[in-house]
Protein backbone atom coordinates (compact mmCIF):
# COMPACT_ATOMS: atom_id res chain seq x y z
CA MET A 1 16.20 -1.64 -10.58
CA THR A 2 12.44 -1.82 -10.93
CA PHE A 3 10.25 -3.79 -8.57
CA THR A 4 6.74 -4.71 -9.62
CA LEU A 5 4.16 -6.21 -7.29
CA ILE A 6 1.18 -7.90 -8.86
CA VAL A 7 -1.64 -7.46 -6.36
CA ASP A 8 -4.07 -9.99 -7.84
CA ASN A 9 -3.22 -13.43 -6.44
CA TYR A 10 -4.29 -15.32 -9.55
CA PHE A 11 -2.19 -13.20 -11.89
CA SER A 12 0.71 -13.41 -9.47
CA PHE A 13 0.54 -17.21 -9.46
CA TYR A 14 0.35 -17.26 -13.26
CA PHE A 15 3.34 -14.94 -13.77
CA THR A 16 5.38 -16.67 -11.04
CA PHE A 17 4.84 -20.30 -11.98
CA ILE A 18 3.09 -20.69 -15.32
CA ALA A 19 4.34 -17.97 -17.70
CA PRO A 20 8.07 -18.65 -17.16
CA ASN A 21 7.47 -22.32 -17.92
CA LEU A 22 5.10 -22.18 -20.90
CA ASN A 23 7.52 -24.08 -23.15
CA VAL A 24 7.75 -26.88 -20.64
CA LEU A 25 3.98 -26.92 -20.18
CA ASN A 26 3.36 -27.07 -23.93
CA GLY A 27 4.39 -30.67 -24.22
CA LEU A 28 8.03 -30.84 -23.19
CA MET A 29 7.26 -32.28 -19.78
CA SER A 30 4.43 -34.28 -18.25
CA SER A 31 2.16 -32.50 -15.80
CA ASN A 32 3.37 -34.74 -12.96
CA ALA A 33 7.01 -33.90 -13.70
CA PHE A 34 6.09 -30.19 -13.86
CA TYR A 35 4.41 -30.36 -10.45
CA ASP A 36 7.38 -32.19 -8.97
CA ASN A 37 9.97 -29.79 -10.43
CA TYR A 38 8.25 -26.41 -10.48
CA LEU A 39 5.36 -26.53 -8.03
CA ASN A 40 7.00 -28.22 -5.09
CA VAL A 41 5.94 -27.38 -1.56
CA ASN A 42 8.96 -25.15 -0.84
CA GLU A 43 8.43 -23.01 -3.95
CA LEU A 44 4.72 -22.64 -3.24
CA ASN A 45 5.34 -21.79 0.42
CA ASN A 46 7.89 -19.14 -0.53
CA SER A 47 5.45 -17.58 -2.96
CA PHE A 48 2.46 -17.72 -0.61
CA CYS A 49 4.47 -16.45 2.35
CA GLN A 50 5.15 -13.21 0.52
CA ARG A 51 1.44 -12.78 -0.27
CA TYR A 52 0.07 -13.79 3.14
CA GLU A 53 0.27 -10.28 4.62
CA LEU A 54 -1.74 -8.92 1.67
CA VAL A 55 -4.43 -11.54 2.30
CA CYS A 56 -4.49 -10.56 5.99
CA HIS A 57 -4.90 -6.89 5.04
CA ASP A 58 -7.76 -7.83 2.71
CA PHE A 59 -9.43 -9.76 5.52
CA ILE A 60 -9.19 -6.74 7.82
CA LYS A 61 -10.64 -4.43 5.17
CA MET A 62 -13.56 -6.80 4.73
CA ALA A 63 -14.10 -7.11 8.51
CA VAL A 64 -14.04 -3.31 8.94
CA TYR A 65 -16.45 -2.88 6.03
CA ASN A 66 -18.80 -5.50 7.56
CA GLU A 67 -18.50 -3.75 10.95
CA GLU A 68 -16.90 -6.79 12.58
CA LEU A 69 -13.89 -4.65 13.50
CA PRO A 70 -13.80 -0.99 14.58
CA GLN A 71 -13.61 1.66 11.86
CA ILE A 72 -10.08 2.78 11.02
CA LYS A 73 -8.82 5.72 9.01
CA MET A 74 -5.71 4.08 7.61
CA LEU A 75 -4.30 0.59 7.22
CA GLY A 76 -0.75 -0.36 6.44
CA TYR A 77 2.38 -1.72 8.05
CA TRP A 78 5.32 -0.24 9.93
CA TRP A 79 8.96 -1.03 10.37
CA GLY A 80 11.83 0.84 11.88
CA LYS A 81 14.12 1.04 14.89
CA ILE A 82 13.08 1.98 18.39
CA ASN A 83 15.95 2.34 20.88
CA GLY A 84 18.20 0.50 18.42
CA LEU A 85 15.85 -2.50 18.18
CA ALA A 86 14.48 -3.39 14.74
CA ILE A 87 10.68 -3.68 14.85
CA GLU A 88 8.28 -4.81 12.16
CA ILE A 89 4.53 -4.54 12.46
CA ASP A 90 2.74 -6.52 9.75
CA VAL A 91 -0.62 -4.78 10.20
CA LEU A 92 -1.20 -1.33 11.60
CA GLY A 93 -4.60 0.29 11.42
CA LEU A 94 -5.28 3.62 13.10
CA ASN A 95 -8.12 5.89 14.01
CA ASP A 96 -8.27 8.73 16.55
CA ASN A 97 -8.03 6.61 19.71
CA LEU A 98 -7.37 3.05 18.47
CA ALA A 99 -4.44 1.12 17.08
CA LEU A 100 -5.30 -2.14 15.36
CA ILE A 101 -2.10 -4.18 15.46
CA GLY A 102 -1.70 -7.47 13.67
CA GLU A 103 0.91 -10.12 13.18
CA CYS A 104 0.86 -12.39 10.12
CA LYS A 105 2.76 -15.67 10.45
CA PHE A 106 2.97 -18.09 7.55
CA ARG A 107 4.70 -20.96 9.32
CA ASN A 108 4.03 -24.44 10.64
CA ARG A 109 4.47 -23.56 14.30
CA ILE A 110 1.96 -22.76 16.99
CA TYR A 111 1.78 -19.06 17.87
CA ASN A 112 2.47 -19.04 21.61
CA ASP A 113 2.60 -16.72 24.61
CA VAL A 114 6.23 -15.79 23.94
CA ASP A 115 5.31 -14.64 20.43
CA PHE A 116 2.34 -12.64 21.73
CA ASN A 117 4.31 -10.99 24.55
CA LYS A 118 7.03 -10.05 22.05
CA LEU A 119 4.38 -8.40 19.87
CA ILE A 120 2.92 -6.47 22.81
CA ASN A 121 6.36 -5.32 24.00
CA SER A 122 7.37 -4.23 20.50
CA THR A 123 4.32 -1.96 20.23
CA ASN A 124 4.79 0.02 23.45
CA PHE A 125 5.85 3.03 21.39
CA ILE A 126 2.36 3.30 19.86
CA LYS A 127 0.60 5.90 21.96
CA LYS A 128 -3.08 5.14 21.50
CA GLU A 129 -5.78 4.92 24.12
CA ASN A 130 -6.86 1.47 22.92
CA LYS A 131 -4.97 -1.32 21.17
CA LEU A 132 -6.59 -4.27 19.45
CA TYR A 133 -4.28 -7.16 18.56
CA LEU A 134 -5.00 -9.55 15.69
CA ILE A 135 -3.03 -12.74 15.12
CA PHE A 136 -2.99 -14.45 11.73
CA ASN A 137 -1.18 -17.77 11.82
CA VAL A 138 -1.33 -20.57 9.27
CA SER A 139 -1.00 -23.17 12.03
CA ASN A 140 -2.74 -22.53 15.31
CA VAL A 141 -2.38 -20.57 18.53
CA SER A 142 -1.56 -21.90 21.98
CA ILE A 143 -4.28 -23.04 24.36
CA ASN A 144 -3.54 -20.10 26.67
CA ILE A 145 -4.06 -17.57 23.88
CA LYS A 146 -7.25 -19.34 22.81
CA ASN A 147 -8.66 -19.33 26.33
CA ASN A 148 -7.50 -15.94 27.58
CA VAL A 149 -6.78 -13.64 24.68
CA MET A 150 -8.50 -14.70 21.52
CA CYS A 151 -11.62 -13.15 20.06
CA ARG A 152 -13.27 -15.13 17.29
CA PHE A 153 -15.04 -14.00 14.19
CA ARG A 154 -18.37 -15.56 13.33
């Protein structure tokens, strides 16, 4: 089985939604019917959810390049088991003494203290002198996180 990931978001949208439906788009269905049947909110959310982490990674690369975040030597993600517990880290950037740890949530729910504490506890195995946490959430973050934890980009 071959898996292909199209990195460019525009091409991905085209090959996910447009190309498979060219016959329909070429006059067999009105544009409104096409939107209702093929571009409904659930289908779009499923597609965008899968791409959201890539967008977050791109944002971090741009912020590092613009010196808005500390320099890192590598950027990726991590998943595995620690003490039998499955852990997934959406964003993991490293340099000699820093771990840049991010969570990417594409959901319509406020990111709250429970979510943040779960992230912190799941990253105890990362042995770096400094840890910088980044939260990417489509909705918002709780008032407590805004007031006590959050750093904002200009």
